[in-house]
Each structure stands twice: as structure tokens, then as C-alpha cells.
Amino acid sequence: MPRMSDPALETLLAEPFGGEAGSVMPPIFQSSLFTFDNYQDFEDRMAGRSDRALYTRVQNPTVAAFESMMAKAEGGAAAVGFASGMAAISSTVLAFLKPGDRIACVEHAYPDAYRLFERMLRPFGIAIDYHPVAAFEDDPDLLSGVAMAYLESPNSVVFQPMNLAKVTAHARRHGALTIIDNSWATPVFQRPLESGIDIVLHSASKYIGGHSDTVAGVVVSSSEHIARIRDLTLPLLGAKLAPFEAWLLIRGLRTLGARMRAHQATANLFVDRLSALPQVLRVNSPGPNVVPGLTGRSGLMSFELREDVDIRRLADGLRLFGLGVSWGGFESLVLPARVGLAQAGEQNSMQRFGVPDNLVRISLGLEDAEDLWADFETALSKSAA
């Protein structure tokens, strides 16, 4: 599919669904099963000669409408929805791995993806190695003997972008399957399939949904890869996307382009002003075109503060930012790394990869940008020793 501008993407996602009532939104098929009028239709469906809906654990018309929209948005042939972002990650990874395989994972991956690899896959005989972004880009033999490269661009917490075209060239040379979490950029700002990535997944709970009222995941790829997931892990692990959640995600997709541009405008303001503050040592927020294929900046970023800044006082002093672990909705959020990204009783990705203790992640929502900045600046001024 040729690359689309944001207005073209919005037009595609706003296509009416039609129907006898002229509905601009699809109906919610809140049904667990679907029946057939005759034996032949039933036999054709059970033999795979028909794609009619059969049972909502594996197929539902409202879910199918969302999946079709996501496939078009990412430029993929097909998509499959899940009950959460972690369901999308686990179901995809498990569909393509077997004991004895090796994963190459980018450092600073989403913490629960890291926990999945360490606490579940490694005990099942799957080896996992973690590498910095630069190694994926610059070492042509990094993926030798690797079954799967698990990527994020930018990665979590520290938000380092990756030249995906360079990485996929190395992966093709060694026959490694490439999977990327594109939740941060969304298809508005990055379409990894165009850079040669094999499989794209999202925590649709974030920007795709956009309203902090849905937990969901989605995977986009070729027809062959999606068919494998549908045949194996979707029905057998059972983490299906529900029709009502799919309907909410369709609502979110309709406004995705407009929301992402609004998030970007506020993020640009914060990056410029944070970078000028003496209390701020570093701002982590990749901008447009820092790597090929990344055309915009989302509202999720992090920054490192001087040691004399009291992060507890900063967090408690904010009035327009909530303390929370998610992101991508209307509301702005703050997450101190030392609290929100640690996991009691285990070695976590923050400890392993040296995330600074004075790092703070913020998700900039859709409130007025100047109001958000005034709130943040006031809280910061009262938090320095």
C-alpha cells in the first residue's frame, strides 16, 4: 500500500460502514455464536471454505471491522485483535517460537514484555539476548542464528529510535522474523511494514483507543502470518477481543490523526521548554525524521532531573497530571521511574539496563498546552532543594 498523508489516513478510517440504516458506525454484534441456515453453509464454514462468523472467541463482525481498519492503517494485508497489548505480544511470539530458539530483544523493551521473556519463555527453553539500538543497526551479524528480533522504535522509558530499514536488511540476511511494537508512534507517524518489518503490534489501549476506557491489542502483518496466529494462539490461548471493545477502538481510530497532531504540538512545546531548564539534564523524545520512517513525535516522553530535585514533591505538586502507569488518553500523566517502572521481588528491566533513578516519564494529553506547562513549571519550582 502506498504511503498516505495524515488527511488520507483519516479519510480511510472515516469510511462509512453503510447498512440498511445508513449507520456511520458498525453495529455491535454482542453474540457469542452465529448459526447457519443450512447444512451446506455450516459444512463450508467448518471446512474453511467460508469466512462467515462462527464463534466470537475466534471471529466476530464488529471485531473484523476494527481489524480491517487497522490493516489498512498500517498498510498490512490482515490484522487480528486481542484482549490486551500483552495478549497481542504473547500470542504473536508464541505462534512463531519453539524450544531451542533464540530471541534478540532491544534493550528497554516494555517491562511486561521483558517479564514474559524472562519468567515464561526462558524456562521453556527459549534463549533471550538483549542488545542496544546501535547494535541492531550497526552489527550485520547480530541476528545470526536468531529466530526472532523483538523491537520497539522508539524503545520504552528512554525512547531511543531505530533505523528499521537497516535492521530489517540484517534480519532478511539471516532469516530472522522481525516484530515491532508501534504503540508509541501509531501508523500516523510510523508504518514499520514499509521498512521491511514482518509483524507490527500495538497496545490498542493507548493511542489507538485514545480514551483510557479500553484494554486491547492488535497485530498487523501478511495474510500468512496472521493466519498462523489465528490458527494457533488466538483460539487456543483464548485472549480474544470483545465486540464492544472493538467498537470503542473504531471510534478511537476515527480521530487518531487529529489526536496525534494535538499530542505532538504539546510535546514540541514541552521538549523546547524542558531542554532550557537548568533542573533538567536530558530530554528523551525523538522528533520527526531523526530516523527514516519516523514522521512525528507522540506525547509520551521522559526526562532526567538533577539530584537536588525532589521527585516526590514534584509529583505531588502537579494538579493537571495524574499519577498513573498507562498513557495515550486525553488526560496527562506523570510516572517517576523509581516507583512506576520497578517490580518488587525480581530483577526488572529498569535495574538490568540502568535506567536513571532520577528519570520521570510524562504522557502529555489533550488539555491546553500552556495550562499543562504552567502546572508543571510551578510544581518543578517548588521541588528543587
Protein backbone atom coordinates (compact mmCIF):
# COMPACT_ATOMS: atom_id res chain seq x y z
CA MET A 1 0.00 0.00 0.00
CA PRO A 2 1.46 3.45 -0.89
CA ARG A 3 2.24 5.75 1.99
CA MET A 4 -0.65 8.02 2.93
CA SER A 5 -0.63 11.55 4.29
CA ASP A 6 -2.48 12.10 7.54
CA PRO A 7 -5.59 13.53 5.80
CA ALA A 8 -5.66 10.49 3.51
CA LEU A 9 -5.36 8.20 6.51
CA GLU A 10 -8.18 10.00 8.25
CA THR A 11 -10.38 9.68 5.15
CA LEU A 12 -9.68 5.96 5.02
CA LEU A 13 -10.52 5.50 8.68
CA ALA A 14 -13.70 7.57 8.33
CA GLU A 15 -15.22 5.45 5.55
CA PRO A 16 -18.89 4.79 6.38
CA PHE A 17 -19.89 1.23 7.10
CA GLY A 18 -23.24 1.55 5.38
CA GLY A 19 -26.04 -0.85 6.15
CA GLU A 20 -29.76 -0.58 5.83
CA ALA A 21 -30.00 2.20 8.40
CA GLY A 22 -27.13 4.23 6.88
CA SER A 23 -25.08 3.82 10.04
CA VAL A 24 -21.67 5.53 10.06
CA MET A 25 -20.58 3.12 12.80
CA PRO A 26 -20.82 -0.67 12.60
CA PRO A 27 -23.31 -2.42 14.85
CA ILE A 28 -22.07 -4.18 17.95
CA PHE A 29 -22.57 -7.90 17.39
CA GLN A 30 -22.83 -8.80 21.07
CA SER A 31 -23.28 -12.50 20.40
CA SER A 32 -21.18 -15.46 21.44
CA LEU A 33 -22.17 -17.63 18.47
CA PHE A 34 -23.57 -17.42 14.95
CA THR A 35 -25.86 -20.01 13.40
CA PHE A 36 -26.31 -21.25 9.82
CA ASP A 37 -29.42 -21.64 7.73
CA ASN A 38 -28.49 -24.94 6.14
CA TYR A 39 -26.11 -27.88 6.34
CA GLN A 40 -24.04 -26.82 3.31
CA ASP A 41 -23.26 -23.36 4.70
CA PHE A 42 -22.28 -24.90 8.02
CA GLU A 43 -20.10 -27.54 6.36
CA ASP A 44 -18.38 -24.91 4.18
CA ARG A 45 -17.54 -22.81 7.24
CA MET A 46 -16.22 -25.71 9.27
CA ALA A 47 -14.11 -26.88 6.31
CA GLY A 48 -12.58 -23.41 5.88
CA ARG A 49 -14.33 -22.71 2.56
CA SER A 50 -16.21 -19.76 4.05
CA ASP A 51 -15.17 -16.91 6.33
CA ARG A 52 -18.56 -16.37 7.94
CA ALA A 53 -18.59 -15.62 11.64
CA LEU A 54 -18.83 -18.80 13.71
CA TYR A 55 -17.95 -18.12 17.36
CA THR A 56 -16.80 -14.86 18.94
CA ARG A 57 -13.74 -16.43 20.55
CA VAL A 58 -12.25 -16.65 17.05
CA GLN A 59 -14.31 -14.30 14.88
CA ASN A 60 -16.88 -11.51 15.28
CA PRO A 61 -18.17 -8.98 12.70
CA THR A 62 -17.53 -5.91 14.89
CA VAL A 63 -14.02 -7.13 15.68
CA ALA A 64 -13.48 -7.85 11.98
CA ALA A 65 -14.40 -4.25 11.13
CA PHE A 66 -11.75 -2.94 13.53
CA GLU A 67 -9.18 -5.42 12.22
CA SER A 68 -9.83 -4.31 8.65
CA MET A 69 -9.32 -0.66 9.60
CA MET A 70 -6.04 -1.43 11.40
CA ALA A 71 -4.71 -3.47 8.47
CA LYS A 72 -5.42 -0.56 6.12
CA ALA A 73 -3.90 1.98 8.51
CA GLU A 74 -0.63 0.05 8.87
CA GLY A 75 -0.51 -0.98 5.21
CA GLY A 76 -0.75 -4.68 6.03
CA ALA A 77 -2.72 -7.46 4.41
CA ALA A 78 -4.55 -8.59 7.55
CA ALA A 79 -4.91 -7.97 11.29
CA VAL A 80 -6.11 -9.77 14.40
CA GLY A 81 -7.40 -8.17 17.60
CA PHE A 82 -6.72 -9.26 21.19
CA ALA A 83 -7.98 -8.59 24.68
CA SER A 84 -4.85 -6.63 25.68
CA GLY A 85 -1.49 -5.49 24.39
CA MET A 86 0.19 -8.29 26.32
CA ALA A 87 -2.18 -10.80 24.72
CA ALA A 88 -1.08 -9.49 21.34
CA ILE A 89 2.60 -9.79 22.31
CA SER A 90 2.40 -13.24 23.90
CA SER A 91 0.13 -14.72 21.22
CA THR A 92 2.37 -13.45 18.44
CA VAL A 93 5.63 -14.55 19.99
CA LEU A 94 4.34 -17.99 20.93
CA ALA A 95 2.95 -18.58 17.44
CA PHE A 96 6.43 -18.41 15.90
CA LEU A 97 8.80 -19.86 18.53
CA LYS A 98 9.74 -23.33 19.76
CA PRO A 99 12.13 -24.59 22.46
CA GLY A 100 15.74 -24.05 21.45
CA ASP A 101 15.00 -20.86 19.50
CA ARG A 102 16.73 -17.56 20.28
CA ILE A 103 15.20 -14.08 20.55
CA ALA A 104 17.17 -10.87 20.09
CA CYS A 105 15.29 -8.17 22.02
CA VAL A 106 16.01 -4.45 22.09
CA GLU A 107 17.12 -3.07 25.44
CA HIS A 108 14.49 -1.09 27.36
CA ALA A 109 11.58 -3.03 25.90
CA TYR A 110 8.18 -2.70 27.53
CA PRO A 111 8.66 -4.06 31.09
CA ASP A 112 5.93 -6.69 30.85
CA ALA A 113 7.31 -7.96 27.54
CA TYR A 114 10.64 -8.31 29.34
CA ARG A 115 8.92 -10.23 32.16
CA LEU A 116 7.21 -12.52 29.65
CA PHE A 117 10.55 -13.37 28.09
CA GLU A 118 12.34 -13.90 31.40
CA ARG A 119 9.65 -15.56 33.51
CA MET A 120 7.88 -17.70 30.92
CA LEU A 121 9.84 -18.14 27.70
CA ARG A 122 13.29 -18.70 29.18
CA PRO A 123 12.08 -21.57 31.45
CA PHE A 124 10.57 -23.19 28.33
CA GLY A 125 13.97 -23.36 26.67
CA ILE A 126 13.91 -20.19 24.59
CA ALA A 127 17.06 -18.08 24.82
CA ILE A 128 16.79 -14.30 25.00
CA ASP A 129 19.58 -11.82 24.39
CA TYR A 130 19.20 -8.05 24.85
CA HIS A 131 21.03 -5.55 22.67
CA PRO A 132 21.17 -1.75 22.43
CA VAL A 133 19.63 0.02 19.47
CA ALA A 134 23.02 0.73 17.90
CA ALA A 135 23.94 -2.96 17.84
CA PHE A 136 20.79 -3.83 15.88
CA GLU A 137 21.63 -1.11 13.38
CA ASP A 138 25.39 -1.50 13.02
CA ASP A 139 26.19 -5.18 13.50
CA PRO A 140 25.19 -7.08 10.33
CA ASP A 141 25.73 -10.44 12.06
CA LEU A 142 23.90 -9.70 15.32
CA LEU A 143 20.91 -11.75 14.15
CA SER A 144 22.88 -14.78 13.00
CA GLY A 145 21.20 -17.86 14.48
CA VAL A 146 18.30 -15.77 15.80
CA ALA A 147 14.72 -16.88 15.15
CA MET A 148 13.07 -13.60 16.12
CA ALA A 149 14.06 -9.96 16.58
CA TYR A 150 11.71 -8.21 19.01
CA LEU A 151 11.89 -4.44 18.54
CA GLU A 152 10.47 -1.13 19.64
CA SER A 153 11.18 2.20 17.92
CA PRO A 154 11.46 4.19 19.99
CA ASN A 155 12.02 1.81 22.88
CA SER A 156 10.32 2.22 26.24
CA VAL A 157 11.36 4.54 29.06
CA VAL A 158 14.36 6.14 27.32
CA PHE A 159 12.77 6.47 23.86
CA GLN A 160 15.66 5.70 21.54
CA PRO A 161 14.58 5.48 17.87
CA MET A 162 15.84 2.81 15.48
CA ASN A 163 16.64 2.80 11.77
CA LEU A 164 14.25 0.00 10.89
CA ALA A 165 15.34 -0.38 7.28
CA LYS A 166 18.91 -1.15 8.37
CA VAL A 167 17.71 -3.69 10.93
CA THR A 168 15.36 -5.46 8.55
CA ALA A 169 18.13 -5.75 5.95
CA HIS A 170 20.25 -7.62 8.52
CA ALA A 171 17.26 -9.74 9.55
CA ARG A 172 16.46 -10.83 6.00
CA ARG A 173 20.09 -11.82 5.50
CA HIS A 174 19.86 -14.23 8.45
CA GLY A 175 16.23 -15.30 8.11
CA ALA A 176 15.10 -13.73 11.39
CA LEU A 177 11.46 -12.79 11.85
CA THR A 178 11.05 -9.13 12.89
CA ILE A 179 8.31 -7.98 15.26
CA ILE A 180 7.85 -4.39 16.44
CA ASP A 181 5.64 -2.67 18.98
CA ASN A 182 4.42 0.50 17.24
CA SER A 183 2.22 1.79 20.07
CA TRP A 184 4.25 4.99 20.60
CA ALA A 185 4.22 6.32 17.04
CA THR A 186 0.98 4.75 15.73
CA PRO A 187 0.51 4.38 11.96
CA VAL A 188 0.07 8.16 11.80
CA PHE A 189 3.79 8.74 12.48
CA GLN A 190 5.40 5.41 11.54
CA ARG A 191 4.48 2.42 9.33
CA PRO A 192 7.12 -0.23 10.02
CA LEU A 193 5.88 -2.66 7.37
CA GLU A 194 7.09 -0.17 4.77
CA SER A 195 10.60 -0.55 6.20
CA GLY A 196 10.52 -4.33 5.88
CA ILE A 197 9.28 -5.30 9.36
CA ASP A 198 7.35 -8.58 9.28
CA ILE A 199 4.82 -8.06 12.08
CA VAL A 200 3.55 -4.88 13.76
CA LEU A 201 1.66 -4.93 17.04
CA HIS A 202 0.02 -2.35 19.27
CA SER A 203 -1.24 -1.95 22.75
CA ALA A 204 -4.51 -0.57 21.42
CA SER A 205 -5.31 0.57 24.96
CA LYS A 206 -3.05 3.55 24.26
CA TYR A 207 -3.33 5.96 21.31
CA ILE A 208 -5.44 3.67 19.12
CA GLY A 209 -8.27 3.69 21.66
CA GLY A 210 -7.33 7.13 22.90
CA HIS A 211 -9.88 7.50 25.70
CA SER A 212 -8.49 5.36 28.56
CA ASP A 213 -11.62 3.23 28.56
CA THR A 214 -10.46 0.16 26.63
CA VAL A 215 -7.86 -2.55 27.17
CA ALA A 216 -6.97 -4.22 23.88
CA GLY A 217 -4.21 -5.24 21.47
CA VAL A 218 -3.88 -5.75 17.74
CA VAL A 219 -1.39 -7.37 15.35
CA VAL A 220 -0.94 -6.47 11.65
CA SER A 221 1.08 -8.46 9.11
CA SER A 222 0.86 -10.55 5.97
CA SER A 223 -2.07 -12.87 5.40
CA GLU A 224 0.18 -15.87 6.05
CA HIS A 225 1.47 -14.64 9.41
CA ILE A 226 -1.98 -13.57 10.62
CA ALA A 227 -3.41 -16.93 9.52
CA ARG A 228 -0.82 -18.71 11.67
CA ILE A 229 -1.78 -16.65 14.71
CA ARG A 230 -5.48 -17.21 14.06
CA ASP A 231 -4.95 -20.94 13.67
CA LEU A 232 -2.74 -21.45 16.71
CA THR A 233 -2.63 -18.94 19.53
CA LEU A 234 -5.83 -16.91 19.10
CA PRO A 235 -8.20 -19.88 19.56
CA LEU A 236 -6.05 -21.92 21.92
CA LEU A 237 -4.95 -19.17 24.30
CA GLY A 238 -8.36 -17.54 24.02
CA ALA A 239 -7.37 -13.88 24.50
CA LYS A 240 -9.95 -12.64 22.00
CA LEU A 241 -11.03 -9.03 21.52
CA ALA A 242 -14.63 -8.42 22.61
CA PRO A 243 -17.09 -6.73 20.22
CA PHE A 244 -17.82 -3.76 22.47
CA GLU A 245 -14.11 -3.02 22.89
CA ALA A 246 -13.67 -3.32 19.11
CA TRP A 247 -16.46 -0.79 18.63
CA LEU A 248 -14.72 1.63 21.02
CA LEU A 249 -11.46 1.16 19.11
CA ILE A 250 -13.18 2.00 15.84
CA ARG A 251 -14.35 5.22 17.48
CA GLY A 252 -10.76 5.93 18.51
CA LEU A 253 -9.34 5.26 15.06
CA ARG A 254 -11.72 7.81 13.56
CA THR A 255 -9.93 10.63 15.42
CA LEU A 256 -6.41 9.17 15.58
CA GLY A 257 -4.77 11.61 13.15
CA ALA A 258 -6.25 14.71 14.77
CA ARG A 259 -5.37 13.49 18.26
CA MET A 260 -1.78 12.59 17.35
CA ARG A 261 -1.17 16.05 15.87
CA ALA A 262 -2.52 17.63 19.05
CA HIS A 263 -0.31 15.41 21.24
CA GLN A 264 2.66 16.32 19.04
CA ALA A 265 2.06 20.07 19.33
CA THR A 266 2.08 19.89 23.13
CA ALA A 267 5.10 17.58 23.11
CA ASN A 268 7.05 20.02 20.91
CA LEU A 269 6.32 22.81 23.40
CA PHE A 270 7.47 20.68 26.35
CA VAL A 271 10.65 19.47 24.62
CA ASP A 272 11.71 23.04 23.81
CA ARG A 273 10.99 24.37 27.29
CA LEU A 274 12.26 21.38 29.26
CA SER A 275 15.54 21.49 27.36
CA ALA A 276 16.07 25.07 28.53
CA LEU A 277 15.56 24.35 32.24
CA PRO A 278 18.65 24.05 34.48
CA GLN A 279 16.94 21.35 36.58
CA VAL A 280 16.59 19.08 33.53
CA LEU A 281 19.69 17.13 32.47
CA ARG A 282 18.27 15.32 29.45
CA VAL A 283 15.02 15.06 27.49
CA ASN A 284 14.16 11.77 25.76
CA SER A 285 11.72 12.42 22.94
CA PRO A 286 12.64 11.60 19.32
CA GLY A 287 11.34 14.09 16.80
CA PRO A 288 10.31 13.77 13.17
CA ASN A 289 12.88 12.34 10.76
CA VAL A 290 15.56 11.56 13.35
CA VAL A 291 15.48 8.12 11.73
CA PRO A 292 13.99 7.19 8.35
CA GLY A 293 10.28 6.46 8.52
CA LEU A 294 9.52 8.29 11.78
CA THR A 295 7.50 11.34 10.74
CA GLY A 296 6.21 12.70 14.03
CA ARG A 297 6.50 12.89 17.81
CA SER A 298 3.93 11.48 20.21
CA GLY A 299 3.06 12.86 23.63
CA LEU A 300 4.97 10.22 25.61
CA MET A 301 8.49 11.25 26.72
CA SER A 302 10.88 11.12 29.65
CA PHE A 303 13.46 13.41 31.18
CA GLU A 304 16.24 13.17 33.74
CA LEU A 305 16.36 15.63 36.64
CA ARG A 306 19.20 16.93 38.78
CA GLU A 307 19.72 15.09 42.04
CA ASP A 308 18.61 18.10 44.06
CA VAL A 309 15.09 17.93 42.59
CA ASP A 310 12.63 16.21 44.92
CA ILE A 311 10.66 13.98 42.54
CA ARG A 312 8.09 13.10 45.21
CA ARG A 313 7.39 16.79 45.77
CA LEU A 314 7.22 17.38 42.01
CA ALA A 315 4.67 14.60 41.51
CA ASP A 316 2.53 15.69 44.46
CA GLY A 317 2.66 19.32 43.33
CA LEU A 318 1.14 18.68 39.91
CA ARG A 319 -2.55 19.48 39.58
CA LEU A 320 -3.27 18.66 35.92
CA PHE A 321 -1.14 15.49 35.77
CA GLY A 322 -2.35 12.28 37.36
CA LEU A 323 -0.01 9.60 38.72
CA GLY A 324 -0.60 6.54 36.56
CA VAL A 325 1.05 3.75 34.61
CA SER A 326 -0.74 3.94 31.26
CA TRP A 327 -0.81 6.65 28.57
CA GLY A 328 -2.38 7.70 25.28
CA GLY A 329 -5.65 9.20 26.52
CA PHE A 330 -6.97 12.73 26.99
CA GLU A 331 -5.52 13.06 30.48
CA SER A 332 -1.89 13.93 31.18
CA LEU A 333 0.10 11.59 33.43
CA VAL A 334 3.39 11.51 35.31
CA LEU A 335 5.31 8.35 36.21
CA PRO A 336 8.50 8.52 38.32
CA ALA A 337 10.73 5.67 37.16
CA ARG A 338 11.86 4.68 40.66
CA VAL A 339 8.25 3.85 41.60
CA GLY A 340 6.26 3.12 38.48
CA LEU A 341 8.77 1.09 36.48
CA ALA A 342 10.14 -1.14 39.24
CA GLN A 343 8.75 -4.53 40.18
CA ALA A 344 9.09 -5.76 43.73
CA GLY A 345 10.80 -9.09 44.32
CA GLU A 346 12.50 -9.54 40.96
CA GLN A 347 15.21 -8.13 38.75
CA ASN A 348 13.36 -5.84 36.37
CA SER A 349 14.32 -4.22 33.10
CA MET A 350 14.91 -0.86 34.79
CA GLN A 351 17.59 -2.37 37.05
CA ARG A 352 19.13 -4.56 34.35
CA PHE A 353 19.59 -1.82 31.78
CA GLY A 354 20.48 1.03 34.10
CA VAL A 355 17.51 3.38 33.87
CA PRO A 356 18.47 6.50 35.88
CA ASP A 357 16.78 6.76 39.25
CA ASN A 358 16.05 10.43 38.57
CA LEU A 359 14.10 9.74 35.36
CA VAL A 360 10.48 10.83 35.05
CA ARG A 361 8.11 9.77 32.28
CA ILE A 362 5.22 12.01 31.27
CA SER A 363 2.32 11.45 28.95
CA LEU A 364 1.02 14.72 27.56
CA GLY A 365 -2.70 14.59 26.98
CA LEU A 366 -5.13 16.85 25.14
CA GLU A 367 -5.57 19.57 27.76
CA ASP A 368 -4.45 23.10 26.90
CA ALA A 369 -0.67 23.03 26.37
CA GLU A 370 0.01 26.32 28.18
CA ASP A 371 -2.07 25.21 31.16
CA LEU A 372 -0.07 21.98 31.35
CA TRP A 373 3.23 23.84 31.16
CA ALA A 374 2.22 26.35 33.84
CA ASP A 375 1.23 23.49 36.13
CA PHE A 376 4.48 21.63 35.52
CA GLU A 377 6.69 24.72 35.89
CA THR A 378 5.02 25.67 39.16
CA ALA A 379 5.45 22.19 40.64
CA LEU A 380 9.06 21.97 39.48
CA SER A 381 9.94 25.35 41.02
CA LYS A 382 8.71 24.09 44.41
CA SER A 383 10.53 20.76 44.19
CA ALA A 384 14.15 21.93 43.97
CA ALA A 385 16.16 21.89 47.19
